[in-house]
């Protein structure tokens, strides 16, 4: 039998169509050719979190019945996958399903596949978003909660009657922003929603690609929090995360505004920027300002964690690493010295 060395190979040999989504940060599509290059060790994993690659492989046949693997693999210091780990998981797949993924995924096969160190279960809220996105991408029906959620977000139930609205219904709407008038409906609802459904909506939007129009609405709401003397920094954090799916300039503008004043830089907000809104930090001036604000929290453990996480991002690595040798402020220099001392102590 031909030696199978990548998951891409076994999926193609099985005549399956497939998609790969990162699940560690935002739910983000990784193109198939890029994923194959990652598997072969030709490029770093694009969205590492805590030195891991966490992703989902969704594959399907002509009936569009999707099967999903939720996988996590450790990364080396360069951000590369370990080919031995990939090989070990392939062994589990071959033993459970054969070389062409021909077995039905019955309970016995699923248990066999799950009993390995490379599979994991995403958090419930992220799993809901992912399921909604897969259904929408494969043009499958939304969940049973979709219609009721639509009724609520149109305002027909009364804004305080949110308790019966299922999270899966909210994520279904966000995965189908381009259908009907869903986006317009959400924009109108944003200033009406009580706290719980508002946070649920923003949490779903942070994993979606959002239009410039919706981004402008979220940006304006975030500015309201910045300009208010008693602005809610937790809401600001949620709005910033929700903006992370926009490819325009609103996220960069918001991150710039947040970092301009120390009073906005609550730990929750800085964690949101590092975890979801990190792309603007490709600008060295913003990366410097972010790390200075992080140092000003005087939370060295948080500084060490977020710095180590950000420096693993392939797009940020060469922006951040030079600061180890030439910090732009005394506060940052002090935090970096403490970071390096901590790292040496762990060796």
C-alpha atoms as a PDB file:
ATOM      1  CA  UNK A   1       0.000   0.000   0.000  1.00  0.00           C
ATOM      2  CA  UNK A   2       1.228   3.491  -0.830  1.00  0.00           C
ATOM      3  CA  UNK A   3       2.774   5.237   2.165  1.00  0.00           C
ATOM      4  CA  UNK A   4       0.383   7.915   3.445  1.00  0.00           C
ATOM      5  CA  UNK A   5       2.205  10.757   5.170  1.00  0.00           C
ATOM      6  CA  UNK A   6      -0.357  13.598   5.307  1.00  0.00           C
ATOM      7  CA  UNK A   7      -4.010  14.050   6.141  1.00  0.00           C
ATOM      8  CA  UNK A   8      -4.394  15.931   2.857  1.00  0.00           C
ATOM      9  CA  UNK A   9      -3.278  12.816   0.997  1.00  0.00           C
ATOM     10  CA  UNK A  10      -5.719  10.456   2.725  1.00  0.00           C
ATOM     11  CA  UNK A  11      -8.615  12.883   2.157  1.00  0.00           C
ATOM     12  CA  UNK A  12      -7.812  13.303  -1.531  1.00  0.00           C
ATOM     13  CA  UNK A  13      -7.315   9.571  -2.017  1.00  0.00           C
ATOM     14  CA  UNK A  14     -10.775   9.054  -0.526  1.00  0.00           C
ATOM     15  CA  UNK A  15     -12.344  11.367  -3.138  1.00  0.00           C
ATOM     16  CA  UNK A  16     -13.519  13.661  -0.359  1.00  0.00           C
ATOM     17  CA  UNK A  17     -13.905  17.392  -0.520  1.00  0.00           C
ATOM     18  CA  UNK A  18     -12.643  19.070   2.643  1.00  0.00           C
ATOM     19  CA  UNK A  19     -12.061  22.345   4.434  1.00  0.00           C
ATOM     20  CA  UNK A  20      -9.731  23.228   7.289  1.00  0.00           C
ATOM     21  CA  UNK A  21     -10.612  25.881   9.877  1.00  0.00           C
ATOM     22  CA  UNK A  22      -8.418  27.212  12.637  1.00  0.00           C
ATOM     23  CA  UNK A  23     -10.215  27.024  15.995  1.00  0.00           C
ATOM     24  CA  UNK A  24      -7.556  28.335  18.350  1.00  0.00           C
ATOM     25  CA  UNK A  25      -8.216  32.021  17.789  1.00  0.00           C
ATOM     26  CA  UNK A  26     -10.952  33.068  15.416  1.00  0.00           C
ATOM     27  CA  UNK A  27     -12.685  30.396  13.366  1.00  0.00           C
ATOM     28  CA  UNK A  28     -10.672  31.054  10.242  1.00  0.00           C
ATOM     29  CA  UNK A  29     -10.442  29.136   6.973  1.00  0.00           C
ATOM     30  CA  UNK A  30      -6.998  27.759   6.076  1.00  0.00           C
ATOM     31  CA  UNK A  31      -6.805  27.144   2.295  1.00  0.00           C
ATOM     32  CA  UNK A  32      -6.217  23.483   1.415  1.00  0.00           C
ATOM     33  CA  UNK A  33      -2.951  24.091  -0.422  1.00  0.00           C
ATOM     34  CA  UNK A  34      -1.650  26.109   2.540  1.00  0.00           C
ATOM     35  CA  UNK A  35      -2.643  23.343   4.950  1.00  0.00           C
ATOM     36  CA  UNK A  36      -0.786  20.773   2.845  1.00  0.00           C
ATOM     37  CA  UNK A  37       2.304  22.998   2.963  1.00  0.00           C
ATOM     38  CA  UNK A  38       1.931  23.229   6.766  1.00  0.00           C
ATOM     39  CA  UNK A  39       1.670  19.430   7.029  1.00  0.00           C
ATOM     40  CA  UNK A  40       4.844  19.014   4.979  1.00  0.00           C
ATOM     41  CA  UNK A  41       6.738  21.407   7.277  1.00  0.00           C
ATOM     42  CA  UNK A  42       7.226  24.010   4.547  1.00  0.00           C
ATOM     43  CA  UNK A  43       5.593  26.820   6.527  1.00  0.00           C
ATOM     44  CA  UNK A  44       4.616  27.649  10.076  1.00  0.00           C
ATOM     45  CA  UNK A  45       1.088  27.171  11.347  1.00  0.00           C
ATOM     46  CA  UNK A  46      -0.573  30.573  10.761  1.00  0.00           C
ATOM     47  CA  UNK A  47      -2.647  30.942  13.953  1.00  0.00           C
ATOM     48  CA  UNK A  48      -0.873  29.259  16.876  1.00  0.00           C
ATOM     49  CA  UNK A  49      -2.256  29.560  20.392  1.00  0.00           C
ATOM     50  CA  UNK A  50      -0.250  28.511  23.445  1.00  0.00           C
ATOM     51  CA  UNK A  51       2.220  26.804  21.073  1.00  0.00           C
ATOM     52  CA  UNK A  52      -0.497  24.603  19.642  1.00  0.00           C
ATOM     53  CA  UNK A  53      -2.313  24.235  16.349  1.00  0.00           C
ATOM     54  CA  UNK A  54      -6.015  23.719  17.051  1.00  0.00           C
ATOM     55  CA  UNK A  55      -8.122  23.139  13.963  1.00  0.00           C
ATOM     56  CA  UNK A  56     -11.069  21.306  12.454  1.00  0.00           C
ATOM     57  CA  UNK A  57     -11.067  19.251   9.273  1.00  0.00           C
ATOM     58  CA  UNK A  58     -14.516  18.974   7.731  1.00  0.00           C
ATOM     59  CA  UNK A  59     -14.853  16.478   4.882  1.00  0.00           C
ATOM     60  CA  UNK A  60     -17.808  15.299   2.869  1.00  0.00           C
ATOM     61  CA  UNK A  61     -18.867  13.233  -0.116  1.00  0.00           C
ATOM     62  CA  UNK A  62     -21.302  13.913  -2.932  1.00  0.00           C
ATOM     63  CA  UNK A  63     -24.232  13.678  -0.482  1.00  0.00           C
ATOM     64  CA  UNK A  64     -22.695  16.606   1.458  1.00  0.00           C
ATOM     65  CA  UNK A  65     -22.898  14.635   4.696  1.00  0.00           C
ATOM     66  CA  UNK A  66     -20.083  16.285   6.672  1.00  0.00           C
ATOM     67  CA  UNK A  67     -17.747  14.493   9.061  1.00  0.00           C
ATOM     68  CA  UNK A  68     -15.478  16.499  11.324  1.00  0.00           C
ATOM     69  CA  UNK A  69     -12.177  15.926  13.091  1.00  0.00           C
ATOM     70  CA  UNK A  70     -11.258  18.417  15.852  1.00  0.00           C
ATOM     71  CA  UNK A  71      -7.490  18.173  16.168  1.00  0.00           C
ATOM     72  CA  UNK A  72      -4.716  19.758  18.213  1.00  0.00           C
ATOM     73  CA  UNK A  73      -0.983  19.368  17.739  1.00  0.00           C
ATOM     74  CA  UNK A  74       1.986  20.856  19.586  1.00  0.00           C
ATOM     75  CA  UNK A  75       4.231  23.218  17.621  1.00  0.00           C
ATOM     76  CA  UNK A  76       7.987  23.576  17.865  1.00  0.00           C
ATOM     77  CA  UNK A  77       9.742  26.896  18.558  1.00  0.00           C
ATOM     78  CA  UNK A  78       9.505  27.779  14.852  1.00  0.00           C
ATOM     79  CA  UNK A  79       5.743  27.187  14.813  1.00  0.00           C
ATOM     80  CA  UNK A  80       6.009  23.994  12.741  1.00  0.00           C
ATOM     81  CA  UNK A  81       3.960  20.832  13.131  1.00  0.00           C
ATOM     82  CA  UNK A  82       5.741  17.657  14.170  1.00  0.00           C
ATOM     83  CA  UNK A  83       5.491  15.184  11.283  1.00  0.00           C
ATOM     84  CA  UNK A  84       5.657  12.287  13.766  1.00  0.00           C
ATOM     85  CA  UNK A  85       2.461  13.548  15.450  1.00  0.00           C
ATOM     86  CA  UNK A  86       0.705  13.753  12.081  1.00  0.00           C
ATOM     87  CA  UNK A  87       1.918  10.239  11.311  1.00  0.00           C
ATOM     88  CA  UNK A  88       0.634   8.916  14.625  1.00  0.00           C
ATOM     89  CA  UNK A  89      -2.816  10.368  14.047  1.00  0.00           C
ATOM     90  CA  UNK A  90      -2.888   8.924  10.524  1.00  0.00           C
ATOM     91  CA  UNK A  91      -2.240   5.497  12.085  1.00  0.00           C
ATOM     92  CA  UNK A  92      -5.327   5.967  14.266  1.00  0.00           C
ATOM     93  CA  UNK A  93      -7.360   6.921  11.186  1.00  0.00           C
ATOM     94  CA  UNK A  94      -6.140   3.962   9.130  1.00  0.00           C
ATOM     95  CA  UNK A  95      -6.851   1.515  11.949  1.00  0.00           C
ATOM     96  CA  UNK A  96     -10.342   2.909  12.532  1.00  0.00           C
ATOM     97  CA  UNK A  97     -11.473   3.663   8.990  1.00  0.00           C
ATOM     98  CA  UNK A  98      -9.129   2.167   6.415  1.00  0.00           C
ATOM     99  CA  UNK A  99      -7.029   3.967   3.819  1.00  0.00           C
ATOM    100  CA  UNK A 100      -9.948   5.528   1.947  1.00  0.00           C
ATOM    101  CA  UNK A 101     -12.261   6.627   4.769  1.00  0.00           C
ATOM    102  CA  UNK A 102     -14.866   4.172   3.549  1.00  0.00           C
ATOM    103  CA  UNK A 103     -16.373   3.150   6.877  1.00  0.00           C
ATOM    104  CA  UNK A 104     -19.468   4.798   8.204  1.00  0.00           C
ATOM    105  CA  UNK A 105     -18.765   6.908  11.283  1.00  0.00           C
ATOM    106  CA  UNK A 106     -20.780   4.714  13.644  1.00  0.00           C
ATOM    107  CA  UNK A 107     -20.386   4.959  17.409  1.00  0.00           C
ATOM    108  CA  UNK A 108     -17.665   2.293  17.556  1.00  0.00           C
ATOM    109  CA  UNK A 109     -15.544   4.003  14.880  1.00  0.00           C
ATOM    110  CA  UNK A 110     -16.021   7.409  16.516  1.00  0.00           C
ATOM    111  CA  UNK A 111     -14.911   6.055  19.903  1.00  0.00           C
ATOM    112  CA  UNK A 112     -11.876   4.457  18.276  1.00  0.00           C
ATOM    113  CA  UNK A 113     -10.954   7.724  16.587  1.00  0.00           C
ATOM    114  CA  UNK A 114     -11.528   9.763  19.739  1.00  0.00           C
ATOM    115  CA  UNK A 115      -9.224   7.655  21.892  1.00  0.00           C
ATOM    116  CA  UNK A 116      -6.027   9.405  20.883  1.00  0.00           C
ATOM    117  CA  UNK A 117      -4.142  12.432  22.240  1.00  0.00           C
ATOM    118  CA  UNK A 118      -4.730  14.584  19.150  1.00  0.00           C
ATOM    119  CA  UNK A 119      -8.502  15.096  19.262  1.00  0.00           C
ATOM    120  CA  UNK A 120     -10.289  17.642  21.440  1.00  0.00           C
ATOM    121  CA  UNK A 121     -13.732  19.119  21.982  1.00  0.00           C
ATOM    122  CA  UNK A 122     -14.076  22.868  21.361  1.00  0.00           C
ATOM    123  CA  UNK A 123     -15.859  25.066  23.887  1.00  0.00           C
ATOM    124  CA  UNK A 124     -19.627  25.050  23.510  1.00  0.00           C
ATOM    125  CA  UNK A 125     -19.940  28.615  22.183  1.00  0.00           C
ATOM    126  CA  UNK A 126     -17.222  28.127  19.566  1.00  0.00           C
ATOM    127  CA  UNK A 127     -18.676  24.760  18.578  1.00  0.00           C
ATOM    128  CA  UNK A 128     -22.058  26.412  17.985  1.00  0.00           C
ATOM    129  CA  UNK A 129     -20.478  29.020  15.693  1.00  0.00           C
ATOM    130  CA  UNK A 130     -18.504  26.370  13.836  1.00  0.00           C
ATOM    131  CA  UNK A 131     -21.547  24.148  13.274  1.00  0.00           C
ATOM    132  CA  UNK A 132     -23.496  27.120  11.931  1.00  0.00           C
ATOM    133  CA  UNK A 133     -20.702  28.099   9.571  1.00  0.00           C
ATOM    134  CA  UNK A 134     -20.283  24.578   8.195  1.00  0.00           C
ATOM    135  CA  UNK A 135     -24.029  24.269   7.590  1.00  0.00           C
ATOM    136  CA  UNK A 136     -24.083  27.602   5.777  1.00  0.00           C
ATOM    137  CA  UNK A 137     -20.972  26.849   3.693  1.00  0.00           C
ATOM    138  CA  UNK A 138     -22.347  23.469   2.585  1.00  0.00           C
ATOM    139  CA  UNK A 139     -25.789  24.994   1.932  1.00  0.00           C
ATOM    140  CA  UNK A 140     -27.425  22.746   4.523  1.00  0.00           C
ATOM    141  CA  UNK A 141     -30.465  23.737   6.575  1.00  0.00           C
ATOM    142  CA  UNK A 142     -29.921  25.854   9.688  1.00  0.00           C
ATOM    143  CA  UNK A 143     -30.751  24.485  13.119  1.00  0.00           C
ATOM    144  CA  UNK A 144     -34.230  24.285  14.608  1.00  0.00           C
ATOM    145  CA  UNK A 145     -33.412  27.402  16.667  1.00  0.00           C
ATOM    146  CA  UNK A 146     -32.899  29.697  13.667  1.00  0.00           C
ATOM    147  CA  UNK A 147     -36.512  30.763  13.031  1.00  0.00           C
ATOM    148  CA  UNK A 148     -37.140  31.632  16.688  1.00  0.00           C
ATOM    149  CA  UNK A 149     -33.914  33.661  16.862  1.00  0.00           C
ATOM    150  CA  UNK A 150     -34.960  35.593  13.750  1.00  0.00           C
ATOM    151  CA  UNK A 151     -38.283  36.429  15.378  1.00  0.00           C
ATOM    152  CA  UNK A 152     -36.487  37.757  18.459  1.00  0.00           C
ATOM    153  CA  UNK A 153     -33.893  39.869  16.618  1.00  0.00           C
ATOM    154  CA  UNK A 154     -36.641  41.434  14.520  1.00  0.00           C
ATOM    155  CA  UNK A 155     -38.055  42.703  17.814  1.00  0.00           C
ATOM    156  CA  UNK A 156     -41.280  40.730  17.521  1.00  0.00           C
ATOM    157  CA  UNK A 157     -40.959  38.962  20.890  1.00  0.00           C
ATOM    158  CA  UNK A 158     -40.021  42.027  22.921  1.00  0.00           C
ATOM    159  CA  UNK A 159     -36.349  42.694  23.686  1.00  0.00           C
ATOM    160  CA  UNK A 160     -36.564  41.435  27.269  1.00  0.00           C
ATOM    161  CA  UNK A 161     -37.933  38.054  26.200  1.00  0.00           C
ATOM    162  CA  UNK A 162     -34.565  36.612  25.179  1.00  0.00           C
ATOM    163  CA  UNK A 163     -34.488  33.622  27.553  1.00  0.00           C
ATOM    164  CA  UNK A 164     -35.940  31.188  24.986  1.00  0.00           C
ATOM    165  CA  UNK A 165     -33.514  32.199  22.214  1.00  0.00           C
ATOM    166  CA  UNK A 166     -30.962  29.446  21.624  1.00  0.00           C
ATOM    167  CA  UNK A 167     -27.277  30.232  21.100  1.00  0.00           C
ATOM    168  CA  UNK A 168     -27.314  28.001  18.003  1.00  0.00           C
ATOM    169  CA  UNK A 169     -30.026  30.225  16.526  1.00  0.00           C
ATOM    170  CA  UNK A 170     -27.885  33.327  17.092  1.00  0.00           C
ATOM    171  CA  UNK A 171     -24.844  31.695  15.495  1.00  0.00           C
ATOM    172  CA  UNK A 172     -27.016  30.579  12.565  1.00  0.00           C
ATOM    173  CA  UNK A 173     -27.988  34.208  11.913  1.00  0.00           C
ATOM    174  CA  UNK A 174     -24.350  35.325  12.057  1.00  0.00           C
ATOM    175  CA  UNK A 175     -23.304  32.575   9.646  1.00  0.00           C
ATOM    176  CA  UNK A 176     -25.992  33.795   7.246  1.00  0.00           C
ATOM    177  CA  UNK A 177     -25.462  37.556   7.377  1.00  0.00           C
ATOM    178  CA  UNK A 178     -25.796  37.814   3.598  1.00  0.00           C
ATOM    179  CA  UNK A 179     -29.159  36.048   3.537  1.00  0.00           C
ATOM    180  CA  UNK A 180     -32.417  38.038   3.478  1.00  0.00           C
ATOM    181  CA  UNK A 181     -32.011  41.171   5.607  1.00  0.00           C
ATOM    182  CA  UNK A 182     -30.098  39.478   8.428  1.00  0.00           C
ATOM    183  CA  UNK A 183     -27.283  42.017   8.586  1.00  0.00           C
ATOM    184  CA  UNK A 184     -29.625  45.009   8.551  1.00  0.00           C
ATOM    185  CA  UNK A 185     -31.752  43.342  11.220  1.00  0.00           C
ATOM    186  CA  UNK A 186     -28.734  42.853  13.507  1.00  0.00           C
ATOM    187  CA  UNK A 187     -27.530  46.426  13.017  1.00  0.00           C
ATOM    188  CA  UNK A 188     -30.942  47.720  14.078  1.00  0.00           C
ATOM    189  CA  UNK A 189     -31.038  45.419  17.123  1.00  0.00           C
ATOM    190  CA  UNK A 190     -27.624  46.315  18.564  1.00  0.00           C
ATOM    191  CA  UNK A 191     -28.792  49.270  20.650  1.00  0.00           C
ATOM    192  CA  UNK A 192     -31.939  47.455  21.818  1.00  0.00           C
ATOM    193  CA  UNK A 193     -30.490  44.213  23.145  1.00  0.00           C
ATOM    194  CA  UNK A 194     -30.169  43.447  26.850  1.00  0.00           C
ATOM    195  CA  UNK A 195     -26.733  42.433  28.090  1.00  0.00           C
ATOM    196  CA  UNK A 196     -26.995  38.645  27.705  1.00  0.00           C
ATOM    197  CA  UNK A 197     -28.140  38.442  24.069  1.00  0.00           C
ATOM    198  CA  UNK A 198     -25.841  41.327  23.123  1.00  0.00           C
ATOM    199  CA  UNK A 199     -22.766  39.506  24.418  1.00  0.00           C
ATOM    200  CA  UNK A 200     -23.914  36.265  22.772  1.00  0.00           C
ATOM    201  CA  UNK A 201     -24.282  38.093  19.447  1.00  0.00           C
ATOM    202  CA  UNK A 202     -20.902  39.823  19.708  1.00  0.00           C
ATOM    203  CA  UNK A 203     -19.278  36.521  20.655  1.00  0.00           C
ATOM    204  CA  UNK A 204     -20.651  34.909  17.496  1.00  0.00           C
ATOM    205  CA  UNK A 205     -19.689  37.842  15.252  1.00  0.00           C
ATOM    206  CA  UNK A 206     -16.034  37.659  16.296  1.00  0.00           C
ATOM    207  CA  UNK A 207     -15.709  34.477  14.233  1.00  0.00           C
ATOM    208  CA  UNK A 208     -17.483  35.820  11.147  1.00  0.00           C
ATOM    209  CA  UNK A 209     -16.423  37.889   8.176  1.00  0.00           C
ATOM    210  CA  UNK A 210     -18.334  41.150   8.567  1.00  0.00           C
ATOM    211  CA  UNK A 211     -19.036  43.914   6.090  1.00  0.00           C
ATOM    212  CA  UNK A 212     -17.713  47.468   6.301  1.00  0.00           C
ATOM    213  CA  UNK A 213     -21.252  48.638   7.068  1.00  0.00           C
ATOM    214  CA  UNK A 214     -21.637  46.373  10.102  1.00  0.00           C
ATOM    215  CA  UNK A 215     -18.050  47.130  11.141  1.00  0.00           C
ATOM    216  CA  UNK A 216     -18.850  50.852  11.145  1.00  0.00           C
ATOM    217  CA  UNK A 217     -21.836  50.223  13.424  1.00  0.00           C
ATOM    218  CA  UNK A 218     -19.723  48.204  15.876  1.00  0.00           C
ATOM    219  CA  UNK A 219     -16.919  50.775  15.712  1.00  0.00           C
ATOM    220  CA  UNK A 220     -19.312  53.621  16.567  1.00  0.00           C
ATOM    221  CA  UNK A 221     -20.626  51.673  19.562  1.00  0.00           C
ATOM    222  CA  UNK A 222     -17.039  51.046  20.719  1.00  0.00           C
ATOM    223  CA  UNK A 223     -16.237  54.767  20.410  1.00  0.00           C
ATOM    224  CA  UNK A 224     -19.272  55.496  22.584  1.00  0.00           C
ATOM    225  CA  UNK A 225     -17.645  53.409  25.315  1.00  0.00           C
ATOM    226  CA  UNK A 226     -14.287  55.135  24.841  1.00  0.00           C
ATOM    227  CA  UNK A 227     -15.819  58.603  24.995  1.00  0.00           C
ATOM    228  CA  UNK A 228     -18.038  57.899  27.995  1.00  0.00           C
ATOM    229  CA  UNK A 229     -16.579  58.836  31.370  1.00  0.00           C
ATOM    230  CA  UNK A 230     -17.836  55.537  32.773  1.00  0.00           C
ATOM    231  CA  UNK A 231     -17.435  53.384  29.675  1.00  0.00           C
ATOM    232  CA  UNK A 232     -17.856  49.630  30.070  1.00  0.00           C
ATOM    233  CA  UNK A 233     -14.425  48.148  29.331  1.00  0.00           C
ATOM    234  CA  UNK A 234     -15.832  44.617  29.157  1.00  0.00           C
ATOM    235  CA  UNK A 235     -18.297  45.719  26.478  1.00  0.00           C
ATOM    236  CA  UNK A 236     -15.463  47.545  24.719  1.00  0.00           C
ATOM    237  CA  UNK A 237     -13.508  44.277  24.740  1.00  0.00           C
ATOM    238  CA  UNK A 238     -16.453  42.367  23.238  1.00  0.00           C
ATOM    239  CA  UNK A 239     -16.971  45.010  20.534  1.00  0.00           C
ATOM    240  CA  UNK A 240     -13.286  44.946  19.619  1.00  0.00           C
ATOM    241  CA  UNK A 241     -13.365  41.159  19.312  1.00  0.00           C
ATOM    242  CA  UNK A 242     -16.485  41.366  17.141  1.00  0.00           C
ATOM    243  CA  UNK A 243     -14.656  43.772  14.816  1.00  0.00           C
ATOM    244  CA  UNK A 244     -11.832  41.282  14.222  1.00  0.00           C
ATOM    245  CA  UNK A 245     -13.649  39.736  11.247  1.00  0.00           C
ATOM    246  CA  UNK A 246     -13.600  42.939   9.206  1.00  0.00           C
ATOM    247  CA  UNK A 247     -10.907  43.376   6.559  1.00  0.00           C
ATOM    248  CA  UNK A 248     -11.255  47.170   6.453  1.00  0.00           C
ATOM    249  CA  UNK A 249      -9.550  49.759   8.665  1.00  0.00           C
ATOM    250  CA  UNK A 250     -12.049  50.001  11.536  1.00  0.00           C
ATOM    251  CA  UNK A 251     -10.258  47.449  13.705  1.00  0.00           C
ATOM    252  CA  UNK A 252      -6.912  49.225  13.294  1.00  0.00           C
ATOM    253  CA  UNK A 253      -8.563  52.553  14.118  1.00  0.00           C
ATOM    254  CA  UNK A 254     -10.146  51.108  17.250  1.00  0.00           C
ATOM    255  CA  UNK A 255      -6.977  49.393  18.470  1.00  0.00           C
ATOM    256  CA  UNK A 256      -5.083  52.661  17.910  1.00  0.00           C
ATOM    257  CA  UNK A 257      -7.678  54.577  19.935  1.00  0.00           C
ATOM    258  CA  UNK A 258      -7.639  52.030  22.762  1.00  0.00           C
ATOM    259  CA  UNK A 259      -3.854  52.033  23.043  1.00  0.00           C
ATOM    260  CA  UNK A 260      -3.702  55.846  22.998  1.00  0.00           C
ATOM    261  CA  UNK A 261      -4.706  56.055  26.676  1.00  0.00           C
ATOM    262  CA  UNK A 262      -3.718  53.802  29.526  1.00  0.00           C
ATOM    263  CA  UNK A 263      -7.173  54.039  31.147  1.00  0.00           C
ATOM    264  CA  UNK A 264      -8.681  52.012  28.286  1.00  0.00           C
ATOM    265  CA  UNK A 265      -6.089  49.252  28.578  1.00  0.00           C
ATOM    266  CA  UNK A 266      -7.754  46.985  31.103  1.00  0.00           C
ATOM    267  CA  UNK A 267      -6.305  43.464  31.120  1.00  0.00           C
ATOM    268  CA  UNK A 268      -9.518  42.115  29.555  1.00  0.00           C
ATOM    269  CA  UNK A 269      -9.147  44.536  26.623  1.00  0.00           C
ATOM    270  CA  UNK A 270      -5.468  43.673  26.110  1.00  0.00           C
ATOM    271  CA  UNK A 271      -6.277  39.948  26.155  1.00  0.00           C
ATOM    272  CA  UNK A 272      -8.945  40.588  23.502  1.00  0.00           C
ATOM    273  CA  UNK A 273      -6.446  42.402  21.286  1.00  0.00           C
ATOM    274  CA  UNK A 274      -3.856  39.637  21.638  1.00  0.00           C
ATOM    275  CA  UNK A 275      -6.329  36.812  21.112  1.00  0.00           C
ATOM    276  CA  UNK A 276      -8.589  38.155  18.354  1.00  0.00           C
ATOM    277  CA  UNK A 277      -7.478  41.610  17.224  1.00  0.00           C
ATOM    278  CA  UNK A 278      -3.755  41.024  16.749  1.00  0.00           C
ATOM    279  CA  UNK A 279      -3.517  41.760  13.019  1.00  0.00           C
ATOM    280  CA  UNK A 280      -3.138  45.569  13.471  1.00  0.00           C
ATOM    281  CA  UNK A 281      -0.060  44.795  15.589  1.00  0.00           C
ATOM    282  CA  UNK A 282       1.776  44.052  12.346  1.00  0.00           C
ATOM    283  CA  UNK A 283       2.412  47.798  12.434  1.00  0.00           C
ATOM    284  CA  UNK A 284       5.519  48.078  14.616  1.00  0.00           C
ATOM    285  CA  UNK A 285       4.305  51.304  16.242  1.00  0.00           C
ATOM    286  CA  UNK A 286       1.096  49.611  17.417  1.00  0.00           C
ATOM    287  CA  UNK A 287       2.974  46.496  18.535  1.00  0.00           C
ATOM    288  CA  UNK A 288       5.297  48.686  20.628  1.00  0.00           C
ATOM    289  CA  UNK A 289       2.398  50.611  22.128  1.00  0.00           C
ATOM    290  CA  UNK A 290       0.535  47.392  22.914  1.00  0.00           C
ATOM    291  CA  UNK A 291       3.520  45.920  24.759  1.00  0.00           C
ATOM    292  CA  UNK A 292       4.066  49.170  26.665  1.00  0.00           C
ATOM    293  CA  UNK A 293       0.429  49.145  27.822  1.00  0.00           C
ATOM    294  CA  UNK A 294       0.781  45.487  28.725  1.00  0.00           C
ATOM    295  CA  UNK A 295       3.889  46.272  30.795  1.00  0.00           C
ATOM    296  CA  UNK A 296       1.983  49.090  32.536  1.00  0.00           C
ATOM    297  CA  UNK A 297      -0.486  46.569  33.980  1.00  0.00           C
ATOM    298  CA  UNK A 298       2.362  45.422  36.253  1.00  0.00           C
ATOM    299  CA  UNK A 299       1.123  41.876  35.730  1.00  0.00           C
ATOM    300  CA  UNK A 300       4.340  40.128  34.733  1.00  0.00           C
ATOM    301  CA  UNK A 301       2.680  36.725  34.382  1.00  0.00           C
ATOM    302  CA  UNK A 302       0.165  38.144  31.887  1.00  0.00           C
ATOM    303  CA  UNK A 303       2.959  39.998  30.053  1.00  0.00           C
ATOM    304  CA  UNK A 304       4.987  36.793  29.733  1.00  0.00           C
ATOM    305  CA  UNK A 305       1.978  34.815  28.507  1.00  0.00           C
ATOM    306  CA  UNK A 306       0.784  37.309  25.880  1.00  0.00           C
ATOM    307  CA  UNK A 307       4.282  38.181  24.645  1.00  0.00           C
ATOM    308  CA  UNK A 308       5.149  34.494  24.202  1.00  0.00           C
ATOM    309  CA  UNK A 309       1.859  33.884  22.412  1.00  0.00           C
ATOM    310  CA  UNK A 310       2.193  36.863  20.054  1.00  0.00           C
ATOM    311  CA  UNK A 311       5.804  36.175  19.137  1.00  0.00           C
ATOM    312  CA  UNK A 312       4.712  32.745  17.858  1.00  0.00           C
ATOM    313  CA  UNK A 313       2.446  34.404  15.276  1.00  0.00           C
ATOM    314  CA  UNK A 314       4.302  34.170  11.948  1.00  0.00           C
ATOM    315  CA  UNK A 315       3.133  37.648  10.883  1.00  0.00           C
ATOM    316  CA  UNK A 316       4.234  39.240  14.172  1.00  0.00           C
ATOM    317  CA  UNK A 317       7.445  37.380  14.939  1.00  0.00           C
ATOM    318  CA  UNK A 318       9.855  39.732  13.165  1.00  0.00           C
ATOM    319  CA  UNK A 319       7.944  42.776  14.401  1.00  0.00           C
ATOM    320  CA  UNK A 320       8.191  41.822  18.072  1.00  0.00           C
ATOM    321  CA  UNK A 321      11.514  39.982  18.398  1.00  0.00           C
ATOM    322  CA  UNK A 322      13.713  43.084  17.774  1.00  0.00           C
ATOM    323  CA  UNK A 323      12.174  44.715  20.858  1.00  0.00           C
ATOM    324  CA  UNK A 324      13.993  42.195  23.022  1.00  0.00           C
ATOM    325  CA  UNK A 325      17.199  44.029  22.160  1.00  0.00           C
ATOM    326  CA  UNK A 326      15.961  47.620  21.873  1.00  0.00           C
ATOM    327  CA  UNK A 327      12.870  48.318  23.948  1.00  0.00           C
ATOM    328  CA  UNK A 328      11.188  51.676  23.202  1.00  0.00           C
ATOM    329  CA  UNK A 329      10.491  52.500  26.883  1.00  0.00           C
ATOM    330  CA  UNK A 330      11.902  51.841  30.342  1.00  0.00           C
ATOM    331  CA  UNK A 331       8.683  50.140  31.482  1.00  0.00           C
ATOM    332  CA  UNK A 332       8.814  47.750  28.536  1.00  0.00           C
ATOM    333  CA  UNK A 333      12.548  47.144  28.977  1.00  0.00           C
ATOM    334  CA  UNK A 334      11.951  46.167  32.616  1.00  0.00           C
ATOM    335  CA  UNK A 335       9.139  43.748  31.667  1.00  0.00           C
ATOM    336  CA  UNK A 336      11.270  42.200  28.904  1.00  0.00           C
ATOM    337  CA  UNK A 337      14.205  41.671  31.281  1.00  0.00           C
ATOM    338  CA  UNK A 338      11.871  39.930  33.726  1.00  0.00           C
ATOM    339  CA  UNK A 339      10.496  37.831  30.848  1.00  0.00           C
ATOM    340  CA  UNK A 340      13.984  36.733  29.793  1.00  0.00           C
ATOM    341  CA  UNK A 341      14.947  35.937  33.373  1.00  0.00           C
ATOM    342  CA  UNK A 342      11.804  33.819  33.729  1.00  0.00           C
ATOM    343  CA  UNK A 343      12.566  31.991  30.475  1.00  0.00           C
ATOM    344  CA  UNK A 344      16.132  31.225  31.563  1.00  0.00           C
ATOM    345  CA  UNK A 345      14.849  29.975  34.905  1.00  0.00           C
ATOM    346  CA  UNK A 346      12.598  27.446  33.153  1.00  0.00           C
ATOM    347  CA  UNK A 347      15.407  25.870  31.148  1.00  0.00           C
END
